[in-house]
PDB file of N, CA and C in Angstrom:
ATOM      1  N   ILE A   1       7.394  21.812   1.736  1.00  0.00           N
ATOM      2  CA  ILE A   1       7.964  20.356   2.008  1.00  0.00           C
ATOM      3  C   ILE A   1       7.766  20.269   3.613  1.00  0.00           C
ATOM      4  N   PRO A   2       7.250  19.064   3.982  1.00  0.00           N
ATOM      5  CA  PRO A   2       7.088  18.906   5.411  1.00  0.00           C
ATOM      6  C   PRO A   2       8.334  18.758   6.240  1.00  0.00           C
ATOM      7  N   VAL A   3       8.314  18.965   7.511  1.00  0.00           N
ATOM      8  CA  VAL A   3       9.473  18.814   8.338  1.00  0.00           C
ATOM      9  C   VAL A   3       9.896  17.339   8.246  1.00  0.00           C
ATOM     10  N   LEU A   4      11.258  17.029   8.258  1.00  0.00           N
ATOM     11  CA  LEU A   4      11.883  15.794   7.845  1.00  0.00           C
ATOM     12  C   LEU A   4      11.201  14.682   8.735  1.00  0.00           C
ATOM     13  N   SER A   5      11.153  14.902  10.051  1.00  0.00           N
ATOM     14  CA  SER A   5      10.567  13.823  10.921  1.00  0.00           C
ATOM     15  C   SER A   5       9.165  13.391  10.649  1.00  0.00           C
ATOM     16  N   ARG A   6       8.309  14.485  10.214  1.00  0.00           N
ATOM     17  CA  ARG A   6       7.018  14.160   9.786  1.00  0.00           C
ATOM     18  C   ARG A   6       6.997  13.403   8.418  1.00  0.00           C
ATOM     19  N   PHE A   7       7.886  13.775   7.498  1.00  0.00           N
ATOM     20  CA  PHE A   7       8.043  13.181   6.218  1.00  0.00           C
ATOM     21  C   PHE A   7       8.410  11.645   6.382  1.00  0.00           C
ATOM     22  N   ILE A   8       9.256  11.367   7.210  1.00  0.00           N
ATOM     23  CA  ILE A   8       9.692  10.015   7.626  1.00  0.00           C
ATOM     24  C   ILE A   8       8.480   9.179   8.077  1.00  0.00           C
ATOM     25  N   GLN A   9       7.857   9.828   9.094  1.00  0.00           N
ATOM     26  CA  GLN A   9       6.777   9.128   9.762  1.00  0.00           C
ATOM     27  C   GLN A   9       5.635   8.712   8.691  1.00  0.00           C
ATOM     28  N   GLN A  10       5.349   9.631   7.856  1.00  0.00           N
ATOM     29  CA  GLN A  10       4.339   9.432   6.854  1.00  0.00           C
ATOM     30  C   GLN A  10       4.834   8.304   5.817  1.00  0.00           C
ATOM     31  N   LEU A  11       5.969   8.278   5.441  1.00  0.00           N
ATOM     32  CA  LEU A  11       6.531   7.276   4.556  1.00  0.00           C
ATOM     33  C   LEU A  11       6.464   5.984   5.158  1.00  0.00           C
ATOM     34  N   VAL A  12       7.007   5.907   6.344  1.00  0.00           N
ATOM     35  CA  VAL A  12       7.058   4.537   7.018  1.00  0.00           C
ATOM     36  C   VAL A  12       5.657   4.027   7.290  1.00  0.00           C
ATOM     37  N   ALA A  13       4.660   4.872   7.725  1.00  0.00           N
ATOM     38  CA  ALA A  13       3.351   4.411   7.982  1.00  0.00           C
ATOM     39  C   ALA A  13       2.601   4.051   6.632  1.00  0.00           C
ATOM     40  N   HIS A  14       2.607   4.860   5.617  1.00  0.00           N
ATOM     41  CA  HIS A  14       2.025   4.446   4.342  1.00  0.00           C
ATOM     42  C   HIS A  14       2.531   3.258   3.665  1.00  0.00           C
ATOM     43  N   ALA A  15       3.885   3.070   3.744  1.00  0.00           N
ATOM     44  CA  ALA A  15       4.508   1.937   3.101  1.00  0.00           C
ATOM     45  C   ALA A  15       4.626   0.722   3.888  1.00  0.00           C
ATOM     46  N   ARG A  16       4.325   0.855   5.223  1.00  0.00           N
ATOM     47  CA  ARG A  16       4.374  -0.274   6.185  1.00  0.00           C
ATOM     48  C   ARG A  16       5.780  -0.761   6.067  1.00  0.00           C
ATOM     49  N   VAL A  17       6.794   0.014   6.297  1.00  0.00           N
ATOM     50  CA  VAL A  17       8.140  -0.436   6.155  1.00  0.00           C
ATOM     51  C   VAL A  17       8.588  -1.222   7.394  1.00  0.00           C
ATOM     52  N   PRO A  18       9.138  -2.433   7.048  1.00  0.00           N
ATOM     53  CA  PRO A  18       9.606  -3.285   8.188  1.00  0.00           C
ATOM     54  C   PRO A  18      10.903  -2.692   8.888  1.00  0.00           C
ATOM     55  N   ILE A  19      11.079  -3.051  10.168  1.00  0.00           N
ATOM     56  CA  ILE A  19      12.182  -2.545  10.942  1.00  0.00           C
ATOM     57  C   ILE A  19      13.481  -2.866  10.289  1.00  0.00           C
ATOM     58  N   GLY A  20      13.709  -4.049   9.701  1.00  0.00           N
ATOM     59  CA  GLY A  20      14.981  -4.480   9.056  1.00  0.00           C
ATOM     60  C   GLY A  20      15.207  -3.498   7.880  1.00  0.00           C
ATOM     61  N   THR A  21      14.195  -3.016   7.146  1.00  0.00           N
ATOM     62  CA  THR A  21      14.485  -2.118   6.083  1.00  0.00           C
ATOM     63  C   THR A  21      14.804  -0.721   6.556  1.00  0.00           C
ATOM     64  N   LEU A  22      14.288  -0.321   7.642  1.00  0.00           N
ATOM     65  CA  LEU A  22      14.633   1.030   8.318  1.00  0.00           C
ATOM     66  C   LEU A  22      16.089   0.911   8.756  1.00  0.00           C
ATOM     67  N   LEU A  23      16.472  -0.228   9.424  1.00  0.00           N
ATOM     68  CA  LEU A  23      17.855  -0.281   9.920  1.00  0.00           C
ATOM     69  C   LEU A  23      18.795  -0.313   8.752  1.00  0.00           C
ATOM     70  N   ALA A  24      18.476  -1.021   7.700  1.00  0.00           N
ATOM     71  CA  ALA A  24      19.392  -1.006   6.526  1.00  0.00           C
ATOM     72  C   ALA A  24      19.496   0.430   5.851  1.00  0.00           C
ATOM     73  N   SER A  25      18.364   1.127   5.982  1.00  0.00           N
ATOM     74  CA  SER A  25      18.446   2.569   5.392  1.00  0.00           C
ATOM     75  C   SER A  25      19.435   3.297   6.218  1.00  0.00           C
ATOM     76  N   MET A  26      19.405   3.045   7.553  1.00  0.00           N
ATOM     77  CA  MET A  26      20.259   3.897   8.385  1.00  0.00           C
ATOM     78  C   MET A  26      21.662   3.506   8.014  1.00  0.00           C
ATOM     79  N   VAL A  27      21.985   2.272   7.721  1.00  0.00           N
ATOM     80  CA  VAL A  27      23.364   1.836   7.346  1.00  0.00           C
ATOM     81  C   VAL A  27      23.840   2.576   6.115  1.00  0.00           C
ATOM     82  N   TYR A  28      22.817   2.538   5.102  1.00  0.00           N
ATOM     83  CA  TYR A  28      23.220   3.253   3.845  1.00  0.00           C
ATOM     84  C   TYR A  28      23.456   4.801   4.036  1.00  0.00           C
ATOM     85  N   LEU A  29      22.603   5.359   4.997  1.00  0.00           N
ATOM     86  CA  LEU A  29      22.749   6.872   5.204  1.00  0.00           C
ATOM     87  C   LEU A  29      24.178   7.152   5.857  1.00  0.00           C
ATOM     88  N   GLU A  30      24.511   6.205   6.792  1.00  0.00           N
ATOM     89  CA  GLU A  30      25.870   6.412   7.400  1.00  0.00           C
ATOM     90  C   GLU A  30      26.929   6.187   6.439  1.00  0.00           C
ATOM     91  N   ARG A  31      26.884   5.279   5.522  1.00  0.00           N
ATOM     92  CA  ARG A  31      27.917   5.058   4.505  1.00  0.00           C
ATOM     93  C   ARG A  31      28.011   6.250   3.547  1.00  0.00           C
ATOM     94  N   LEU A  32      26.850   6.750   3.190  1.00  0.00           N
ATOM     95  CA  LEU A  32      26.869   7.976   2.358  1.00  0.00           C
ATOM     96  C   LEU A  32      27.512   9.034   3.123  1.00  0.00           C
ATOM     97  N   LYS A  33      27.184   9.306   4.357  1.00  0.00           N
ATOM     98  CA  LYS A  33      27.793  10.467   5.151  1.00  0.00           C
ATOM     99  C   LYS A  33      29.282  10.405   5.115  1.00  0.00           C
ATOM    100  N   ARG A  34      29.770   9.183   5.282  1.00  0.00           N
ATOM    101  CA  ARG A  34      31.340   8.921   5.305  1.00  0.00           C
ATOM    102  C   ARG A  34      31.919   9.314   3.920  1.00  0.00           C
ATOM    103  N   ARG A  35      31.149   9.146   2.901  1.00  0.00           N
ATOM    104  CA  ARG A  35      31.703   9.296   1.501  1.00  0.00           C
ATOM    105  C   ARG A  35      31.618  10.702   1.064  1.00  0.00           C
ATOM    106  N   LEU A  36      30.699  11.552   1.565  1.00  0.00           N
ATOM    107  CA  LEU A  36      30.529  12.895   1.122  1.00  0.00           C
ATOM    108  C   LEU A  36      31.512  13.766   1.928  1.00  0.00           C
ATOM    109  N   PRO A  37      31.901  14.862   1.278  1.00  0.00           N
ATOM    110  CA  PRO A  37      32.691  15.839   1.938  1.00  0.00           C
ATOM    111  C   PRO A  37      31.924  16.450   3.087  1.00  0.00           C
ATOM    112  N   LYS A  38      32.561  16.745   4.256  1.00  0.00           N
ATOM    113  CA  LYS A  38      31.942  17.273   5.461  1.00  0.00           C
ATOM    114  C   LYS A  38      31.198  18.637   5.081  1.00  0.00           C
ATOM    115  N   GLU A  39      31.717  19.420   4.114  1.00  0.00           N
ATOM    116  CA  GLU A  39      31.105  20.674   3.804  1.00  0.00           C
ATOM    117  C   GLU A  39      29.962  20.538   2.734  1.00  0.00           C
ATOM    118  N   ALA A  40      29.606  19.324   2.416  1.00  0.00           N
ATOM    119  CA  ALA A  40      28.579  19.060   1.370  1.00  0.00           C
ATOM    120  C   ALA A  40      27.223  19.608   1.921  1.00  0.00           C
ATOM    121  N   ARG A  41      26.633  20.404   0.999  1.00  0.00           N
ATOM    122  CA  ARG A  41      25.352  21.033   1.412  1.00  0.00           C
ATOM    123  C   ARG A  41      24.328  20.723   0.261  1.00  0.00           C
ATOM    124  N   GLY A  42      23.083  20.821   0.503  1.00  0.00           N
ATOM    125  CA  GLY A  42      22.100  20.548  -0.563  1.00  0.00           C
ATOM    126  C   GLY A  42      20.905  21.573  -0.446  1.00  0.00           C
ATOM    127  N   MET A  43      19.936  21.244  -1.113  1.00  0.00           N
ATOM    128  CA  MET A  43      18.750  22.090  -1.076  1.00  0.00           C
ATOM    129  C   MET A  43      17.933  21.737   0.159  1.00  0.00           C
ATOM    130  N   GLU A  44      16.878  22.459   0.328  1.00  0.00           N
ATOM    131  CA  GLU A  44      16.001  22.232   1.510  1.00  0.00           C
ATOM    132  C   GLU A  44      15.505  20.832   1.587  1.00  0.00           C
ATOM    133  N   CYS A  45      15.190  20.310   0.394  1.00  0.00           N
ATOM    134  CA  CYS A  45      14.651  18.934   0.302  1.00  0.00           C
ATOM    135  C   CYS A  45      15.719  17.785   0.260  1.00  0.00           C
ATOM    136  N   THR A  46      16.953  18.132   0.362  1.00  0.00           N
ATOM    137  CA  THR A  46      18.010  17.067   0.073  1.00  0.00           C
ATOM    138  C   THR A  46      17.966  15.964   1.126  1.00  0.00           C
ATOM    139  N   CYS A  47      17.666  16.328   2.363  1.00  0.00           N
ATOM    140  CA  CYS A  47      17.608  15.185   3.401  1.00  0.00           C
ATOM    141  C   CYS A  47      16.444  14.386   3.153  1.00  0.00           C
ATOM    142  N   HIS A  48      15.289  14.859   2.690  1.00  0.00           N
ATOM    143  CA  HIS A  48      14.129  14.074   2.346  1.00  0.00           C
ATOM    144  C   HIS A  48      14.427  13.247   1.157  1.00  0.00           C
ATOM    145  N   ARG A  49      15.094  13.703   0.275  1.00  0.00           N
ATOM    146  CA  ARG A  49      15.361  12.861  -0.962  1.00  0.00           C
ATOM    147  C   ARG A  49      16.368  11.742  -0.622  1.00  0.00           C
ATOM    148  N   VAL A  50      17.339  12.025   0.137  1.00  0.00           N
ATOM    149  CA  VAL A  50      18.328  10.964   0.467  1.00  0.00           C
ATOM    150  C   VAL A  50      17.682   9.913   1.299  1.00  0.00           C
ATOM    151  N   PHE A  51      16.802  10.408   2.374  1.00  0.00           N
ATOM    152  CA  PHE A  51      16.179   9.330   3.098  1.00  0.00           C
ATOM    153  C   PHE A  51      15.312   8.478   2.245  1.00  0.00           C
ATOM    154  N   LEU A  52      14.412   9.028   1.402  1.00  0.00           N
ATOM    155  CA  LEU A  52      13.562   8.375   0.535  1.00  0.00           C
ATOM    156  C   LEU A  52      14.343   7.342  -0.320  1.00  0.00           C
ATOM    157  N   ALA A  53      15.381   7.810  -0.880  1.00  0.00           N
ATOM    158  CA  ALA A  53      16.203   6.831  -1.767  1.00  0.00           C
ATOM    159  C   ALA A  53      16.735   5.743  -0.903  1.00  0.00           C
ATOM    160  N   ALA A  54      17.220   6.013   0.266  1.00  0.00           N
ATOM    161  CA  ALA A  54      17.807   5.004   1.156  1.00  0.00           C
ATOM    162  C   ALA A  54      16.723   3.873   1.421  1.00  0.00           C
ATOM    163  N   LEU A  55      15.584   4.344   1.766  1.00  0.00           N
ATOM    164  CA  LEU A  55      14.457   3.422   2.183  1.00  0.00           C
ATOM    165  C   LEU A  55      13.990   2.597   0.875  1.00  0.00           C
ATOM    166  N   ILE A  56      14.026   3.235  -0.264  1.00  0.00           N
ATOM    167  CA  ILE A  56      13.665   2.474  -1.483  1.00  0.00           C
ATOM    168  C   ILE A  56      14.697   1.460  -1.767  1.00  0.00           C
ATOM    169  N   VAL A  57      15.898   1.784  -1.761  1.00  0.00           N
ATOM    170  CA  VAL A  57      16.948   0.834  -2.091  1.00  0.00           C
ATOM    171  C   VAL A  57      16.989  -0.242  -1.074  1.00  0.00           C
ATOM    172  N   ALA A  58      16.963   0.007   0.165  1.00  0.00           N
ATOM    173  CA  ALA A  58      16.873  -1.031   1.272  1.00  0.00           C
ATOM    174  C   ALA A  58      15.686  -1.914   1.028  1.00  0.00           C
ATOM    175  N   GLY A  59      14.530  -1.277   0.714  1.00  0.00           N
ATOM    176  CA  GLY A  59      13.342  -2.097   0.510  1.00  0.00           C
ATOM    177  C   GLY A  59      13.501  -3.097  -0.657  1.00  0.00           C
ATOM    178  N   LYS A  60      14.045  -2.621  -1.662  1.00  0.00           N
ATOM    179  CA  LYS A  60      14.228  -3.456  -2.882  1.00  0.00           C
ATOM    180  C   LYS A  60      15.288  -4.587  -2.646  1.00  0.00           C
ATOM    181  N   TYR A  61      16.234  -4.286  -1.874  1.00  0.00           N
ATOM    182  CA  TYR A  61      17.340  -5.202  -1.636  1.00  0.00           C
ATOM    183  C   TYR A  61      17.033  -6.284  -0.656  1.00  0.00           C
ATOM    184  N   PHE A  62      16.290  -5.877   0.359  1.00  0.00           N
ATOM    185  CA  PHE A  62      15.944  -6.841   1.500  1.00  0.00           C
ATOM    186  C   PHE A  62      14.639  -7.496   1.383  1.00  0.00           C
ATOM    187  N   ASN A  63      13.734  -7.059   0.603  1.00  0.00           N
ATOM    188  CA  ASN A  63      12.328  -7.580   0.582  1.00  0.00           C
ATOM    189  C   ASN A  63      12.032  -8.260  -0.752  1.00  0.00           C
ATOM    190  N   ASP A  64      11.434  -9.416  -0.553  1.00  0.00           N
ATOM    191  CA  ASP A  64      11.016 -10.053  -1.951  1.00  0.00           C
ATOM    192  C   ASP A  64       9.987  -9.222  -2.599  1.00  0.00           C
ATOM    193  N   VAL A  65       9.151  -8.530  -1.965  1.00  0.00           N
ATOM    194  CA  VAL A  65       8.119  -7.747  -2.586  1.00  0.00           C
ATOM    195  C   VAL A  65       8.351  -6.317  -1.946  1.00  0.00           C
ATOM    196  N   SER A  66       8.459  -5.316  -2.898  1.00  0.00           N
ATOM    197  CA  SER A  66       8.643  -3.936  -2.459  1.00  0.00           C
ATOM    198  C   SER A  66       7.842  -3.000  -3.256  1.00  0.00           C
ATOM    199  N   SER A  67       7.513  -1.850  -2.673  1.00  0.00           N
ATOM    200  CA  SER A  67       6.652  -0.875  -3.438  1.00  0.00           C
ATOM    201  C   SER A  67       7.351  -0.351  -4.680  1.00  0.00           C
ATOM    202  N   LYS A  68       6.670  -0.170  -5.693  1.00  0.00           N
ATOM    203  CA  LYS A  68       7.203   0.450  -6.885  1.00  0.00           C
ATOM    204  C   LYS A  68       7.401   1.906  -6.716  1.00  0.00           C
ATOM    205  N   ASN A  69       8.269   2.466  -7.543  1.00  0.00           N
ATOM    206  CA  ASN A  69       8.601   3.811  -7.416  1.00  0.00           C
ATOM    207  C   ASN A  69       7.450   4.805  -7.534  1.00  0.00           C
ATOM    208  N   LYS A  70       6.393   4.452  -8.351  1.00  0.00           N
ATOM    209  CA  LYS A  70       5.264   5.205  -8.392  1.00  0.00           C
ATOM    210  C   LYS A  70       4.471   5.394  -7.209  1.00  0.00           C
ATOM    211  N   TYR A  71       4.502   4.241  -6.338  1.00  0.00           N
ATOM    212  CA  TYR A  71       3.831   4.315  -5.063  1.00  0.00           C
ATOM    213  C   TYR A  71       4.761   5.118  -4.006  1.00  0.00           C
ATOM    214  N   TRP A  72       6.068   5.029  -4.083  1.00  0.00           N
ATOM    215  CA  TRP A  72       6.908   5.878  -3.231  1.00  0.00           C
ATOM    216  C   TRP A  72       6.671   7.391  -3.634  1.00  0.00           C
ATOM    217  N   ALA A  73       6.523   7.710  -4.800  1.00  0.00           N
ATOM    218  CA  ALA A  73       6.249   9.089  -5.153  1.00  0.00           C
ATOM    219  C   ALA A  73       4.921   9.539  -4.585  1.00  0.00           C
ATOM    220  N   ARG A  74       3.917   8.603  -4.651  1.00  0.00           N
ATOM    221  CA  ARG A  74       2.602   8.977  -4.130  1.00  0.00           C
ATOM    222  C   ARG A  74       2.760   9.215  -2.538  1.00  0.00           C
ATOM    223  N   TYR A  75       3.538   8.194  -1.863  1.00  0.00           N
ATOM    224  CA  TYR A  75       3.672   8.247  -0.416  1.00  0.00           C
ATOM    225  C   TYR A  75       4.332   9.518  -0.070  1.00  0.00           C
ATOM    226  N   SER A  76       5.328  10.016  -0.841  1.00  0.00           N
ATOM    227  CA  SER A  76       6.128  11.144  -0.487  1.00  0.00           C
ATOM    228  C   SER A  76       5.398  12.422  -0.547  1.00  0.00           C
ATOM    229  N   VAL A  77       4.426  12.462  -1.461  1.00  0.00           N
ATOM    230  CA  VAL A  77       3.569  13.563  -1.724  1.00  0.00           C
ATOM    231  C   VAL A  77       4.205  14.733  -2.488  1.00  0.00           C
ATOM    232  N   VAL A  78       5.494  14.821  -2.332  1.00  0.00           N
ATOM    233  CA  VAL A  78       6.161  15.945  -2.914  1.00  0.00           C
ATOM    234  C   VAL A  78       7.094  15.703  -4.093  1.00  0.00           C
ATOM    235  N   PHE A  79       7.366  14.428  -4.350  1.00  0.00           N
ATOM    236  CA  PHE A  79       8.267  14.110  -5.421  1.00  0.00           C
ATOM    237  C   PHE A  79       7.515  13.287  -6.548  1.00  0.00           C
ATOM    238  N   SER A  80       7.887  13.583  -7.788  1.00  0.00           N
ATOM    239  CA  SER A  80       7.381  12.863  -8.900  1.00  0.00           C
ATOM    240  C   SER A  80       8.053  11.480  -9.070  1.00  0.00           C
ATOM    241  N   VAL A  81       7.524  10.700  -9.985  1.00  0.00           N
ATOM    242  CA  VAL A  81       8.145   9.387 -10.154  1.00  0.00           C
ATOM    243  C   VAL A  81       9.562   9.545 -10.756  1.00  0.00           C
ATOM    244  N   ALA A  82       9.621  10.450 -11.739  1.00  0.00           N
ATOM    245  CA  ALA A  82      10.923  10.778 -12.365  1.00  0.00           C
ATOM    246  C   ALA A  82      12.035  11.134 -11.310  1.00  0.00           C
ATOM    247  N   GLU A  83      11.621  12.028 -10.401  1.00  0.00           N
ATOM    248  CA  GLU A  83      12.513  12.430  -9.232  1.00  0.00           C
ATOM    249  C   GLU A  83      12.901  11.155  -8.447  1.00  0.00           C
ATOM    250  N   VAL A  84      11.897  10.378  -8.115  1.00  0.00           N
ATOM    251  CA  VAL A  84      12.152   9.172  -7.244  1.00  0.00           C
ATOM    252  C   VAL A  84      13.151   8.234  -8.012  1.00  0.00           C
ATOM    253  N   ASN A  85      12.943   8.070  -9.244  1.00  0.00           N
ATOM    254  CA  ASN A  85      13.863   7.176 -10.129  1.00  0.00           C
ATOM    255  C   ASN A  85      15.275   7.622 -10.022  1.00  0.00           C
ATOM    256  N   LEU A  86      15.318   8.986 -10.222  1.00  0.00           N
ATOM    257  CA  LEU A  86      16.655   9.623 -10.255  1.00  0.00           C
ATOM    258  C   LEU A  86      17.332   9.455  -8.913  1.00  0.00           C
ATOM    259  N   MET A  87      16.591   9.757  -7.823  1.00  0.00           N
ATOM    260  CA  MET A  87      17.155   9.685  -6.549  1.00  0.00           C
ATOM    261  C   MET A  87      17.750   8.232  -6.284  1.00  0.00           C
ATOM    262  N   GLU A  88      16.996   7.185  -6.618  1.00  0.00           N
ATOM    263  CA  GLU A  88      17.448   5.821  -6.455  1.00  0.00           C
ATOM    264  C   GLU A  88      18.659   5.587  -7.292  1.00  0.00           C
ATOM    265  N   LYS A  89      18.773   5.999  -8.478  1.00  0.00           N
ATOM    266  CA  LYS A  89      19.993   5.768  -9.287  1.00  0.00           C
ATOM    267  C   LYS A  89      21.160   6.522  -8.668  1.00  0.00           C
ATOM    268  N   GLN A  90      20.942   7.750  -8.236  1.00  0.00           N
ATOM    269  CA  GLN A  90      22.039   8.532  -7.737  1.00  0.00           C
ATOM    270  C   GLN A  90      22.644   7.918  -6.426  1.00  0.00           C
ATOM    271  N   LEU A  91      21.791   7.387  -5.538  1.00  0.00           N
ATOM    272  CA  LEU A  91      22.170   6.791  -4.328  1.00  0.00           C
ATOM    273  C   LEU A  91      22.971   5.471  -4.610  1.00  0.00           C
ATOM    274  N   LEU A  92      22.444   4.728  -5.503  1.00  0.00           N
ATOM    275  CA  LEU A  92      23.066   3.435  -5.841  1.00  0.00           C
ATOM    276  C   LEU A  92      24.618   3.750  -6.361  1.00  0.00           C
ATOM    277  N   ALA A  93      24.676   4.809  -7.201  1.00  0.00           N
ATOM    278  CA  ALA A  93      26.008   5.174  -7.663  1.00  0.00           C
ATOM    279  C   ALA A  93      26.913   5.630  -6.600  1.00  0.00           C
ATOM    280  N   LEU A  94      26.312   6.474  -5.650  1.00  0.00           N
ATOM    281  CA  LEU A  94      27.113   6.988  -4.584  1.00  0.00           C
ATOM    282  C   LEU A  94      27.605   5.927  -3.629  1.00  0.00           C
ATOM    283  N   LEU A  95      26.779   4.864  -3.496  1.00  0.00           N
ATOM    284  CA  LEU A  95      27.235   3.690  -2.687  1.00  0.00           C
ATOM    285  C   LEU A  95      27.997   2.722  -3.427  1.00  0.00           C
ATOM    286  N   ASP A  96      28.359   2.950  -4.644  1.00  0.00           N
ATOM    287  CA  ASP A  96      29.098   2.047  -5.540  1.00  0.00           C
ATOM    288  C   ASP A  96      28.278   0.669  -5.667  1.00  0.00           C
ATOM    289  N   TYR A  97      27.047   0.729  -5.588  1.00  0.00           N
ATOM    290  CA  TYR A  97      26.133  -0.440  -5.721  1.00  0.00           C
ATOM    291  C   TYR A  97      26.440  -1.432  -4.692  1.00  0.00           C
ATOM    292  N   ASP A  98      27.112  -1.038  -3.602  1.00  0.00           N
ATOM    293  CA  ASP A  98      27.421  -2.133  -2.571  1.00  0.00           C
ATOM    294  C   ASP A  98      26.261  -1.940  -1.454  1.00  0.00           C
ATOM    295  N   LEU A  99      25.347  -2.901  -1.485  1.00  0.00           N
ATOM    296  CA  LEU A  99      24.135  -2.799  -0.634  1.00  0.00           C
ATOM    297  C   LEU A  99      24.340  -3.816   0.497  1.00  0.00           C
ATOM    298  N   ARG A 100      25.433  -4.527   0.622  1.00  0.00           N
ATOM    299  CA  ARG A 100      25.491  -5.589   1.649  1.00  0.00           C
ATOM    300  C   ARG A 100      25.359  -4.936   2.994  1.00  0.00           C
ATOM    301  N   VAL A 101      24.670  -5.634   3.846  1.00  0.00           N
ATOM    302  CA  VAL A 101      24.589  -5.168   5.200  1.00  0.00           C
ATOM    303  C   VAL A 101      24.867  -6.449   6.122  1.00  0.00           C
ATOM    304  N   GLU A 102      25.806  -6.374   6.941  1.00  0.00           N
ATOM    305  CA  GLU A 102      26.185  -7.521   7.846  1.00  0.00           C
ATOM    306  C   GLU A 102      25.403  -7.453   9.072  1.00  0.00           C
ATOM    307  N   GLN A 103      25.325  -8.597   9.754  1.00  0.00           N
ATOM    308  CA  GLN A 103      24.530  -8.661  11.001  1.00  0.00           C
ATOM    309  C   GLN A 103      24.979  -7.708  12.000  1.00  0.00           C
ATOM    310  N   ASP A 104      26.330  -7.506  12.076  1.00  0.00           N
ATOM    311  CA  ASP A 104      26.879  -6.524  13.031  1.00  0.00           C
ATOM    312  C   ASP A 104      26.319  -5.068  12.723  1.00  0.00           C
ATOM    313  N   ASP A 105      26.080  -4.747  11.504  1.00  0.00           N
ATOM    314  CA  ASP A 105      25.518  -3.441  11.157  1.00  0.00           C
ATOM    315  C   ASP A 105      24.187  -3.363  11.738  1.00  0.00           C
ATOM    316  N   PHE A 106      23.419  -4.352  11.647  1.00  0.00           N
ATOM    317  CA  PHE A 106      22.031  -4.284  12.268  1.00  0.00           C
ATOM    318  C   PHE A 106      22.072  -4.141  13.690  1.00  0.00           C
ATOM    319  N   VAL A 107      22.925  -4.974  14.362  1.00  0.00           N
ATOM    320  CA  VAL A 107      23.053  -4.953  15.832  1.00  0.00           C
ATOM    321  C   VAL A 107      23.493  -3.504  16.339  1.00  0.00           C
ATOM    322  N   GLU A 108      24.436  -2.950  15.597  1.00  0.00           N
ATOM    323  CA  GLU A 108      24.827  -1.501  15.935  1.00  0.00           C
ATOM    324  C   GLU A 108      23.715  -0.633  15.920  1.00  0.00           C
ATOM    325  N   ARG A 109      22.867  -0.594  14.895  1.00  0.00           N
ATOM    326  CA  ARG A 109      21.802   0.284  14.706  1.00  0.00           C
ATOM    327  C   ARG A 109      20.700  -0.027  15.868  1.00  0.00           C
ATOM    328  N   LEU A 110      20.466  -1.328  16.138  1.00  0.00           N
ATOM    329  CA  LEU A 110      19.511  -1.583  17.230  1.00  0.00           C
ATOM    330  C   LEU A 110      19.899  -1.102  18.512  1.00  0.00           C
ATOM    331  N   GLU A 111      21.262  -1.047  18.812  1.00  0.00           N
ATOM    332  CA  GLU A 111      21.791  -0.644  20.118  1.00  0.00           C
ATOM    333  C   GLU A 111      21.457   0.896  20.289  1.00  0.00           C
ATOM    334  N   LEU A 112      21.230   1.560  19.259  1.00  0.00           N
ATOM    335  CA  LEU A 112      20.812   3.046  19.349  1.00  0.00           C
ATOM    336  C   LEU A 112      19.548   3.222  20.069  1.00  0.00           C
ATOM    337  N   PHE A 113      18.678   2.250  20.054  1.00  0.00           N
ATOM    338  CA  PHE A 113      17.395   2.260  20.594  1.00  0.00           C
ATOM    339  C   PHE A 113      17.395   1.592  21.922  1.00  0.00           C
TER     340      PHE A 113
END
């Protein structure tokens, strides 16, 4: 599995991910981090899976047209369509299906840059 930063770069480049989708993904990742126990650990690919799921969910929520999961699997290179489908469902459940992102959330993320 590639280094996480390289994995993210490849996904964003291949899928041509808009900045708003990336920012929303960051919001979802922060929400998830607050919900999980601090001692939570995963497999070597867990960060890759969580980032991909956040990107997919944000893309589908904020964009009229979004890549299908079969393309996300192809862009990821390492995950199957079945795995991508499962990642998406699991993240939605962990976020209680609350995908709203307020303007302040976007502004906070932009201030990081």
